[in-house]
Amino acid sequence: MEIRSHIEPGDIGYIIYLHGLLYAREYRLDHTFESFVAERIGQFGQQYDASKDYFAVAEIDDRIVGSIMIQGLPDNTGMLRFFLVHPDARGRGLGKEFMTRALEFCRERGFDKIFLSTISELKAAIHLYEQAGFECTERKTHEIWGALRTEERYDLVLK
């Protein structure tokens, strides 16, 4: 498995595809989730600036099996986004390695804090967030992505 931190043609589309497919299979999110991801990753790709944004994918045999991104924001914070590990790559420490590299990027850039949004069903990801020091700061239950779900915000203060 190899982790690379530069965007290549096809990466953005494939990451959208993986989010749509895997989140539908594993959490029963509907097509509106994939549309949400497509819009947000598309914006990320259009505005990507390596001085403030982080992009990484993991590959096995030239096939993407995971992703993580940090979107640098004007208020000196980073938003962790599109964190995914394919079932074929789970149990190998990839999630933890992604988190380590993303947080290292944020510290090197001098971000004050990092935050993310997720849904409460993503227990393995939430466990990694909490291990890294993120704390849940907000919960909101509402209809989203085809069902009643609880969205959660996690924050990590770096300074």
N, C-alpha and C. Protein backbone atom coordinates (compact mmCIF):
# COMPACT_ATOMS: atom_id res chain seq x y z
N MET A 1 0.85 -1.18 0.00
CA MET A 1 0.00 0.00 0.00
C MET A 1 0.89 1.24 0.00
N GLU A 2 0.51 2.20 -0.80
CA GLU A 2 1.28 3.43 -0.92
C GLU A 2 0.35 4.62 -0.69
N ILE A 3 0.83 5.61 0.05
CA ILE A 3 0.07 6.85 0.25
C ILE A 3 0.75 7.94 -0.57
N ARG A 4 -0.04 8.63 -1.36
CA ARG A 4 0.51 9.76 -2.11
C ARG A 4 -0.30 11.01 -1.80
N SER A 5 0.38 12.14 -1.85
CA SER A 5 -0.26 13.39 -1.44
C SER A 5 -0.26 14.43 -2.55
N HIS A 6 -0.57 14.01 -3.74
CA HIS A 6 -0.79 14.94 -4.85
C HIS A 6 -1.97 14.43 -5.68
N ILE A 7 -2.70 15.35 -6.26
CA ILE A 7 -3.90 15.00 -7.02
C ILE A 7 -3.51 14.63 -8.45
N GLU A 8 -4.03 13.51 -8.91
CA GLU A 8 -3.83 13.08 -10.29
C GLU A 8 -5.20 13.01 -10.98
N PRO A 9 -5.22 13.11 -12.30
CA PRO A 9 -6.49 12.99 -13.01
C PRO A 9 -7.19 11.67 -12.65
N GLY A 10 -8.48 11.76 -12.42
CA GLY A 10 -9.28 10.60 -12.04
C GLY A 10 -9.48 10.44 -10.55
N ASP A 11 -8.60 11.02 -9.74
CA ASP A 11 -8.69 10.86 -8.28
C ASP A 11 -10.01 11.38 -7.73
N ILE A 12 -10.37 12.58 -8.11
CA ILE A 12 -11.56 13.21 -7.54
C ILE A 12 -12.81 12.40 -7.88
N GLY A 13 -12.94 12.02 -9.14
CA GLY A 13 -14.09 11.23 -9.55
C GLY A 13 -14.16 9.89 -8.85
N TYR A 14 -13.01 9.24 -8.68
CA TYR A 14 -12.99 7.93 -8.05
C TYR A 14 -13.32 8.03 -6.55
N ILE A 15 -12.86 9.08 -5.91
CA ILE A 15 -13.17 9.27 -4.49
C ILE A 15 -14.67 9.53 -4.31
N ILE A 16 -15.25 10.29 -5.21
CA ILE A 16 -16.71 10.50 -5.17
C ILE A 16 -17.42 9.15 -5.32
N TYR A 17 -17.00 8.37 -6.30
CA TYR A 17 -17.58 7.05 -6.54
C TYR A 17 -17.49 6.17 -5.29
N LEU A 18 -16.32 6.11 -4.67
CA LEU A 18 -16.15 5.28 -3.47
C LEU A 18 -17.07 5.73 -2.34
N HIS A 19 -17.17 7.03 -2.13
CA HIS A 19 -18.06 7.53 -1.08
C HIS A 19 -19.51 7.13 -1.37
N GLY A 20 -19.94 7.33 -2.60
CA GLY A 20 -21.32 6.98 -2.95
C GLY A 20 -21.59 5.50 -2.77
N LEU A 21 -20.72 4.67 -3.28
CA LEU A 21 -20.90 3.22 -3.23
C LEU A 21 -20.80 2.67 -1.81
N LEU A 22 -19.71 2.99 -1.12
CA LEU A 22 -19.47 2.39 0.19
C LEU A 22 -20.44 2.90 1.26
N TYR A 23 -20.76 4.19 1.24
CA TYR A 23 -21.67 4.71 2.25
C TYR A 23 -23.10 4.22 2.01
N ALA A 24 -23.46 3.95 0.76
CA ALA A 24 -24.77 3.35 0.49
C ALA A 24 -24.79 1.92 1.01
N ARG A 25 -23.76 1.15 0.74
CA ARG A 25 -23.69 -0.24 1.19
C ARG A 25 -23.65 -0.36 2.70
N GLU A 26 -22.80 0.43 3.32
CA GLU A 26 -22.52 0.25 4.75
C GLU A 26 -23.47 1.01 5.66
N TYR A 27 -23.99 2.16 5.21
CA TYR A 27 -24.80 2.99 6.10
C TYR A 27 -26.15 3.38 5.50
N ARG A 28 -26.44 2.84 4.32
CA ARG A 28 -27.70 3.09 3.62
C ARG A 28 -27.95 4.58 3.32
N LEU A 29 -26.89 5.31 3.03
CA LEU A 29 -27.06 6.69 2.59
C LEU A 29 -27.52 6.65 1.14
N ASP A 30 -28.42 7.56 0.78
CA ASP A 30 -28.97 7.54 -0.57
C ASP A 30 -28.13 8.37 -1.54
N HIS A 31 -28.64 8.52 -2.76
CA HIS A 31 -27.91 9.23 -3.82
C HIS A 31 -27.63 10.69 -3.48
N THR A 32 -28.40 11.28 -2.56
CA THR A 32 -28.15 12.69 -2.23
C THR A 32 -26.82 12.86 -1.52
N PHE A 33 -26.34 11.82 -0.84
CA PHE A 33 -25.03 11.89 -0.21
C PHE A 33 -23.93 11.97 -1.27
N GLU A 34 -24.02 11.11 -2.26
CA GLU A 34 -23.02 11.13 -3.33
C GLU A 34 -23.01 12.48 -4.04
N SER A 35 -24.18 13.06 -4.25
CA SER A 35 -24.28 14.38 -4.87
C SER A 35 -23.62 15.45 -3.99
N PHE A 36 -23.85 15.36 -2.68
CA PHE A 36 -23.23 16.28 -1.72
C PHE A 36 -21.70 16.17 -1.82
N VAL A 37 -21.20 14.94 -1.80
CA VAL A 37 -19.75 14.71 -1.88
C VAL A 37 -19.20 15.23 -3.20
N ALA A 38 -19.90 14.97 -4.30
CA ALA A 38 -19.44 15.42 -5.62
C ALA A 38 -19.29 16.94 -5.65
N GLU A 39 -20.28 17.63 -5.11
CA GLU A 39 -20.21 19.09 -5.10
C GLU A 39 -19.05 19.59 -4.25
N ARG A 40 -18.90 19.04 -3.04
CA ARG A 40 -17.86 19.52 -2.13
C ARG A 40 -16.45 19.16 -2.60
N ILE A 41 -16.27 17.93 -3.09
CA ILE A 41 -14.93 17.56 -3.58
C ILE A 41 -14.62 18.33 -4.87
N GLY A 42 -15.62 18.56 -5.69
CA GLY A 42 -15.42 19.37 -6.88
C GLY A 42 -14.92 20.76 -6.54
N GLN A 43 -15.54 21.37 -5.53
CA GLN A 43 -15.09 22.70 -5.08
C GLN A 43 -13.66 22.62 -4.54
N PHE A 44 -13.38 21.58 -3.76
CA PHE A 44 -12.04 21.41 -3.22
C PHE A 44 -11.02 21.32 -4.35
N GLY A 45 -11.31 20.50 -5.36
CA GLY A 45 -10.40 20.35 -6.49
C GLY A 45 -10.20 21.64 -7.26
N GLN A 46 -11.25 22.41 -7.43
CA GLN A 46 -11.16 23.68 -8.15
C GLN A 46 -10.31 24.71 -7.40
N GLN A 47 -10.42 24.71 -6.08
CA GLN A 47 -9.76 25.73 -5.25
C GLN A 47 -8.49 25.24 -4.58
N TYR A 48 -8.08 24.00 -4.86
CA TYR A 48 -6.95 23.39 -4.18
C TYR A 48 -5.70 24.28 -4.24
N ASP A 49 -5.11 24.48 -3.07
CA ASP A 49 -3.89 25.27 -2.92
C ASP A 49 -2.99 24.50 -1.95
N ALA A 50 -1.92 23.92 -2.44
CA ALA A 50 -1.06 23.07 -1.62
C ALA A 50 -0.47 23.78 -0.41
N SER A 51 -0.46 25.11 -0.40
CA SER A 51 0.08 25.82 0.75
C SER A 51 -0.88 25.79 1.95
N LYS A 52 -2.17 25.52 1.70
CA LYS A 52 -3.13 25.51 2.80
C LYS A 52 -4.06 24.29 2.81
N ASP A 53 -4.03 23.50 1.75
CA ASP A 53 -4.91 22.33 1.64
C ASP A 53 -4.08 21.06 1.57
N TYR A 54 -4.63 19.99 2.12
CA TYR A 54 -3.95 18.69 2.11
C TYR A 54 -4.83 17.67 1.41
N PHE A 55 -4.21 16.86 0.59
CA PHE A 55 -4.90 15.81 -0.14
C PHE A 55 -4.04 14.57 -0.07
N ALA A 56 -4.63 13.44 0.28
CA ALA A 56 -3.88 12.19 0.26
C ALA A 56 -4.81 11.04 -0.10
N VAL A 57 -4.27 10.10 -0.87
CA VAL A 57 -4.97 8.86 -1.17
C VAL A 57 -4.02 7.70 -0.90
N ALA A 58 -4.61 6.58 -0.57
CA ALA A 58 -3.85 5.34 -0.44
C ALA A 58 -4.20 4.47 -1.63
N GLU A 59 -3.19 3.78 -2.16
CA GLU A 59 -3.40 2.91 -3.30
C GLU A 59 -2.82 1.53 -3.04
N ILE A 60 -3.54 0.55 -3.53
CA ILE A 60 -3.04 -0.83 -3.59
C ILE A 60 -3.13 -1.23 -5.06
N ASP A 61 -2.01 -1.61 -5.64
CA ASP A 61 -1.98 -1.98 -7.06
C ASP A 61 -2.63 -0.92 -7.94
N ASP A 62 -2.28 0.34 -7.70
CA ASP A 62 -2.78 1.48 -8.47
C ASP A 62 -4.29 1.69 -8.36
N ARG A 63 -4.92 1.14 -7.32
CA ARG A 63 -6.35 1.32 -7.08
C ARG A 63 -6.51 2.09 -5.77
N ILE A 64 -7.27 3.18 -5.80
CA ILE A 64 -7.47 3.99 -4.60
C ILE A 64 -8.30 3.21 -3.59
N VAL A 65 -7.78 3.13 -2.36
CA VAL A 65 -8.47 2.41 -1.28
C VAL A 65 -8.68 3.29 -0.05
N GLY A 66 -8.42 4.58 -0.19
CA GLY A 66 -8.64 5.48 0.93
C GLY A 66 -8.30 6.90 0.57
N SER A 67 -8.90 7.83 1.35
CA SER A 67 -8.64 9.24 1.11
C SER A 67 -8.80 10.04 2.39
N ILE A 68 -8.17 11.20 2.40
CA ILE A 68 -8.35 12.19 3.47
C ILE A 68 -7.94 13.54 2.90
N MET A 69 -8.65 14.57 3.31
CA MET A 69 -8.34 15.92 2.84
C MET A 69 -8.49 16.90 4.00
N ILE A 70 -7.70 17.95 3.93
CA ILE A 70 -7.83 19.09 4.84
C ILE A 70 -8.04 20.31 3.97
N GLN A 71 -9.10 21.02 4.24
CA GLN A 71 -9.37 22.27 3.55
C GLN A 71 -8.98 23.40 4.48
N GLY A 72 -7.96 24.17 4.10
CA GLY A 72 -7.53 25.30 4.90
C GLY A 72 -8.49 26.46 4.73
N LEU A 73 -8.92 27.04 5.84
CA LEU A 73 -9.90 28.12 5.81
C LEU A 73 -9.26 29.45 6.21
N PRO A 74 -9.87 30.56 5.82
CA PRO A 74 -9.27 31.88 6.08
C PRO A 74 -9.05 32.22 7.55
N ASP A 75 -9.80 31.60 8.46
CA ASP A 75 -9.66 31.92 9.89
C ASP A 75 -8.59 31.07 10.58
N ASN A 76 -7.64 30.53 9.79
CA ASN A 76 -6.53 29.74 10.30
C ASN A 76 -6.98 28.42 10.94
N THR A 77 -8.08 27.88 10.41
CA THR A 77 -8.54 26.56 10.83
C THR A 77 -8.51 25.63 9.62
N GLY A 78 -8.55 24.36 9.90
CA GLY A 78 -8.63 23.36 8.85
C GLY A 78 -9.88 22.52 9.02
N MET A 79 -10.48 22.16 7.92
CA MET A 79 -11.64 21.27 7.95
C MET A 79 -11.22 19.92 7.38
N LEU A 80 -11.33 18.89 8.20
CA LEU A 80 -11.00 17.53 7.78
C LEU A 80 -12.20 17.00 6.99
N ARG A 81 -11.92 16.47 5.79
CA ARG A 81 -13.01 16.05 4.91
C ARG A 81 -12.64 14.77 4.17
N PHE A 82 -13.68 14.06 3.75
CA PHE A 82 -13.58 12.94 2.82
C PHE A 82 -12.61 11.85 3.27
N PHE A 83 -12.67 11.55 4.56
CA PHE A 83 -11.86 10.51 5.18
C PHE A 83 -12.58 9.18 4.92
N LEU A 84 -11.89 8.29 4.25
CA LEU A 84 -12.49 7.02 3.86
C LEU A 84 -11.41 5.96 3.77
N VAL A 85 -11.72 4.77 4.27
CA VAL A 85 -10.85 3.62 4.08
C VAL A 85 -11.71 2.48 3.53
N HIS A 86 -11.38 2.00 2.35
CA HIS A 86 -12.10 0.91 1.69
C HIS A 86 -12.01 -0.35 2.55
N PRO A 87 -13.05 -1.17 2.57
CA PRO A 87 -13.00 -2.42 3.35
C PRO A 87 -11.78 -3.29 3.05
N ASP A 88 -11.30 -3.28 1.80
CA ASP A 88 -10.12 -4.07 1.44
C ASP A 88 -8.84 -3.61 2.13
N ALA A 89 -8.85 -2.38 2.65
CA ALA A 89 -7.64 -1.82 3.26
C ALA A 89 -7.77 -1.64 4.77
N ARG A 90 -8.90 -2.01 5.33
CA ARG A 90 -9.10 -1.81 6.77
C ARG A 90 -8.29 -2.82 7.58
N GLY A 91 -7.97 -2.42 8.81
CA GLY A 91 -7.23 -3.30 9.70
C GLY A 91 -5.73 -3.27 9.49
N ARG A 92 -5.24 -2.35 8.69
CA ARG A 92 -3.81 -2.25 8.40
C ARG A 92 -3.19 -0.98 8.97
N GLY A 93 -3.98 -0.20 9.72
CA GLY A 93 -3.46 1.03 10.30
C GLY A 93 -3.53 2.23 9.37
N LEU A 94 -4.21 2.08 8.24
CA LEU A 94 -4.29 3.18 7.27
C LEU A 94 -5.02 4.39 7.84
N GLY A 95 -6.13 4.17 8.52
CA GLY A 95 -6.87 5.30 9.08
C GLY A 95 -6.01 6.10 10.04
N LYS A 96 -5.29 5.41 10.90
CA LYS A 96 -4.42 6.09 11.86
C LYS A 96 -3.28 6.83 11.14
N GLU A 97 -2.72 6.22 10.10
CA GLU A 97 -1.66 6.86 9.34
C GLU A 97 -2.17 8.10 8.62
N PHE A 98 -3.35 8.00 8.02
CA PHE A 98 -3.97 9.17 7.39
C PHE A 98 -4.11 10.30 8.41
N MET A 99 -4.64 9.96 9.58
CA MET A 99 -4.88 10.97 10.61
C MET A 99 -3.57 11.61 11.05
N THR A 100 -2.54 10.82 11.26
CA THR A 100 -1.24 11.33 11.67
C THR A 100 -0.69 12.32 10.65
N ARG A 101 -0.74 11.95 9.39
CA ARG A 101 -0.20 12.82 8.33
C ARG A 101 -1.02 14.10 8.19
N ALA A 102 -2.34 14.00 8.28
CA ALA A 102 -3.19 15.18 8.14
C ALA A 102 -2.96 16.16 9.30
N LEU A 103 -2.86 15.64 10.52
CA LEU A 103 -2.63 16.50 11.67
C LEU A 103 -1.24 17.12 11.62
N GLU A 104 -0.27 16.36 11.14
CA GLU A 104 1.08 16.90 10.98
C GLU A 104 1.06 18.07 9.99
N PHE A 105 0.36 17.92 8.89
CA PHE A 105 0.20 19.00 7.92
C PHE A 105 -0.37 20.25 8.60
N CYS A 106 -1.44 20.06 9.38
CA CYS A 106 -2.10 21.19 10.04
C CYS A 106 -1.17 21.89 11.03
N ARG A 107 -0.40 21.12 11.76
CA ARG A 107 0.54 21.71 12.72
C ARG A 107 1.65 22.46 11.99
N GLU A 108 2.16 21.88 10.90
CA GLU A 108 3.20 22.55 10.12
C GLU A 108 2.71 23.87 9.53
N ARG A 109 1.44 23.93 9.19
CA ARG A 109 0.86 25.15 8.62
C ARG A 109 0.43 26.14 9.70
N GLY A 110 0.55 25.75 10.96
CA GLY A 110 0.22 26.65 12.06
C GLY A 110 -1.27 26.88 12.27
N PHE A 111 -2.09 25.93 11.87
CA PHE A 111 -3.53 26.07 12.10
C PHE A 111 -3.81 26.13 13.60
N ASP A 112 -4.80 26.92 13.97
CA ASP A 112 -5.21 27.02 15.38
C ASP A 112 -6.06 25.82 15.80
N LYS A 113 -6.92 25.38 14.89
CA LYS A 113 -7.76 24.22 15.20
C LYS A 113 -8.20 23.54 13.92
N ILE A 114 -8.74 22.34 14.08
CA ILE A 114 -9.28 21.55 13.00
C ILE A 114 -10.68 21.10 13.43
N PHE A 115 -11.58 21.02 12.47
CA PHE A 115 -12.90 20.49 12.79
C PHE A 115 -13.37 19.59 11.66
N LEU A 116 -14.40 18.83 11.94
CA LEU A 116 -14.99 17.94 10.95
C LEU A 116 -16.45 17.72 11.30
N SER A 117 -17.19 17.29 10.30
CA SER A 117 -18.57 16.88 10.49
C SER A 117 -18.69 15.43 10.06
N THR A 118 -19.50 14.67 10.78
CA THR A 118 -19.71 13.26 10.46
C THR A 118 -21.12 12.87 10.90
N ILE A 119 -21.45 11.62 10.75
CA ILE A 119 -22.71 11.11 11.28
C ILE A 119 -22.39 10.06 12.33
N SER A 120 -23.29 9.93 13.29
CA SER A 120 -23.02 9.08 14.46
C SER A 120 -22.81 7.61 14.12
N GLU A 121 -23.27 7.15 12.96
CA GLU A 121 -23.09 5.75 12.57
C GLU A 121 -21.65 5.38 12.26
N LEU A 122 -20.81 6.33 11.98
CA LEU A 122 -19.43 6.05 11.57
C LEU A 122 -18.54 5.82 12.80
N LYS A 123 -18.81 4.75 13.51
CA LYS A 123 -18.16 4.47 14.81
C LYS A 123 -16.64 4.33 14.70
N ALA A 124 -16.14 3.62 13.68
CA ALA A 124 -14.69 3.42 13.56
C ALA A 124 -13.97 4.75 13.32
N ALA A 125 -14.53 5.59 12.46
CA ALA A 125 -13.93 6.90 12.19
C ALA A 125 -13.97 7.76 13.45
N ILE A 126 -15.10 7.75 14.13
CA ILE A 126 -15.23 8.55 15.36
C ILE A 126 -14.21 8.10 16.39
N HIS A 127 -13.98 6.80 16.48
CA HIS A 127 -12.96 6.29 17.41
C HIS A 127 -11.59 6.87 17.07
N LEU A 128 -11.24 6.92 15.78
CA LEU A 128 -9.95 7.50 15.37
C LEU A 128 -9.90 8.99 15.68
N TYR A 129 -11.00 9.70 15.46
CA TYR A 129 -11.03 11.13 15.77
C TYR A 129 -10.78 11.35 17.26
N GLU A 130 -11.47 10.59 18.08
CA GLU A 130 -11.33 10.75 19.53
C GLU A 130 -9.92 10.36 19.99
N GLN A 131 -9.35 9.33 19.42
CA GLN A 131 -7.97 8.95 19.75
C GLN A 131 -6.99 10.08 19.42
N ALA A 132 -7.28 10.83 18.37
CA ALA A 132 -6.41 11.94 17.96
C ALA A 132 -6.65 13.20 18.79
N GLY A 133 -7.66 13.18 19.65
CA GLY A 133 -7.91 14.32 20.53
C GLY A 133 -9.11 15.17 20.16
N PHE A 134 -9.82 14.82 19.11
CA PHE A 134 -11.03 15.56 18.74
C PHE A 134 -12.11 15.34 19.79
N GLU A 135 -12.91 16.37 20.02
CA GLU A 135 -14.03 16.28 20.94
C GLU A 135 -15.31 16.68 20.22
N CYS A 136 -16.38 15.95 20.52
CA CYS A 136 -17.68 16.27 19.92
C CYS A 136 -18.19 17.57 20.55
N THR A 137 -18.51 18.55 19.71
CA THR A 137 -18.94 19.85 20.20
C THR A 137 -20.37 20.20 19.81
N GLU A 138 -20.97 19.37 18.96
CA GLU A 138 -22.32 19.67 18.51
C GLU A 138 -22.97 18.41 17.94
N ARG A 139 -24.26 18.24 18.22
CA ARG A 139 -25.05 17.14 17.66
C ARG A 139 -26.37 17.69 17.16
N LYS A 140 -26.79 17.21 16.00
CA LYS A 140 -28.06 17.67 15.44
C LYS A 140 -28.70 16.49 14.71
N THR A 141 -29.88 16.08 15.16
CA THR A 141 -30.60 14.99 14.52
C THR A 141 -31.64 15.57 13.58
N HIS A 142 -31.59 15.10 12.32
CA HIS A 142 -32.54 15.59 11.32
C HIS A 142 -32.54 14.64 10.13
N GLU A 143 -33.46 14.86 9.21
CA GLU A 143 -33.55 14.07 7.99
C GLU A 143 -32.43 14.49 7.05
N ILE A 144 -31.58 13.56 6.70
CA ILE A 144 -30.48 13.84 5.77
C ILE A 144 -30.06 12.54 5.11
N TRP A 145 -29.79 12.60 3.83
CA TRP A 145 -29.28 11.48 3.05
C TRP A 145 -30.17 10.24 3.14
N GLY A 146 -31.47 10.50 3.14
CA GLY A 146 -32.45 9.42 3.04
C GLY A 146 -32.96 8.84 4.34
N ALA A 147 -32.60 9.41 5.47
CA ALA A 147 -33.07 8.88 6.76
C ALA A 147 -32.86 9.91 7.86
N LEU A 148 -33.41 9.62 9.01
CA LEU A 148 -33.18 10.45 10.19
C LEU A 148 -31.80 10.06 10.74
N ARG A 149 -30.90 11.01 10.80
CA ARG A 149 -29.52 10.75 11.24
C ARG A 149 -29.07 11.84 12.20
N THR A 150 -28.03 11.52 12.97
CA THR A 150 -27.44 12.50 13.87
C THR A 150 -26.09 12.92 13.30
N GLU A 151 -26.04 14.19 12.89
CA GLU A 151 -24.77 14.78 12.46
C GLU A 151 -24.02 15.25 13.70
N GLU A 152 -22.71 15.08 13.67
CA GLU A 152 -21.88 15.50 14.80
C GLU A 152 -20.71 16.33 14.29
N ARG A 153 -20.38 17.33 15.06
CA ARG A 153 -19.20 18.15 14.77
C ARG A 153 -18.15 17.81 15.82
N TYR A 154 -16.91 17.63 15.36
CA TYR A 154 -15.77 17.37 16.24
C TYR A 154 -14.74 18.45 16.01
N ASP A 155 -14.13 18.92 17.12
CA ASP A 155 -13.11 19.96 17.06
C ASP A 155 -11.85 19.50 17.77
N LEU A 156 -10.72 19.95 17.26
CA LEU A 156 -9.43 19.71 17.88
C LEU A 156 -8.67 21.02 17.90
N VAL A 157 -8.37 21.53 19.09
CA VAL A 157 -7.60 22.77 19.23
C VAL A 157 -6.13 22.39 19.18
N LEU A 158 -5.38 23.08 18.31
CA LEU A 158 -3.96 22.78 18.15
C LEU A 158 -3.08 23.76 18.90
N LYS A 159 -3.58 24.96 19.18
CA LYS A 159 -2.76 25.96 19.89
C LYS A 159 -3.39 26.35 21.19
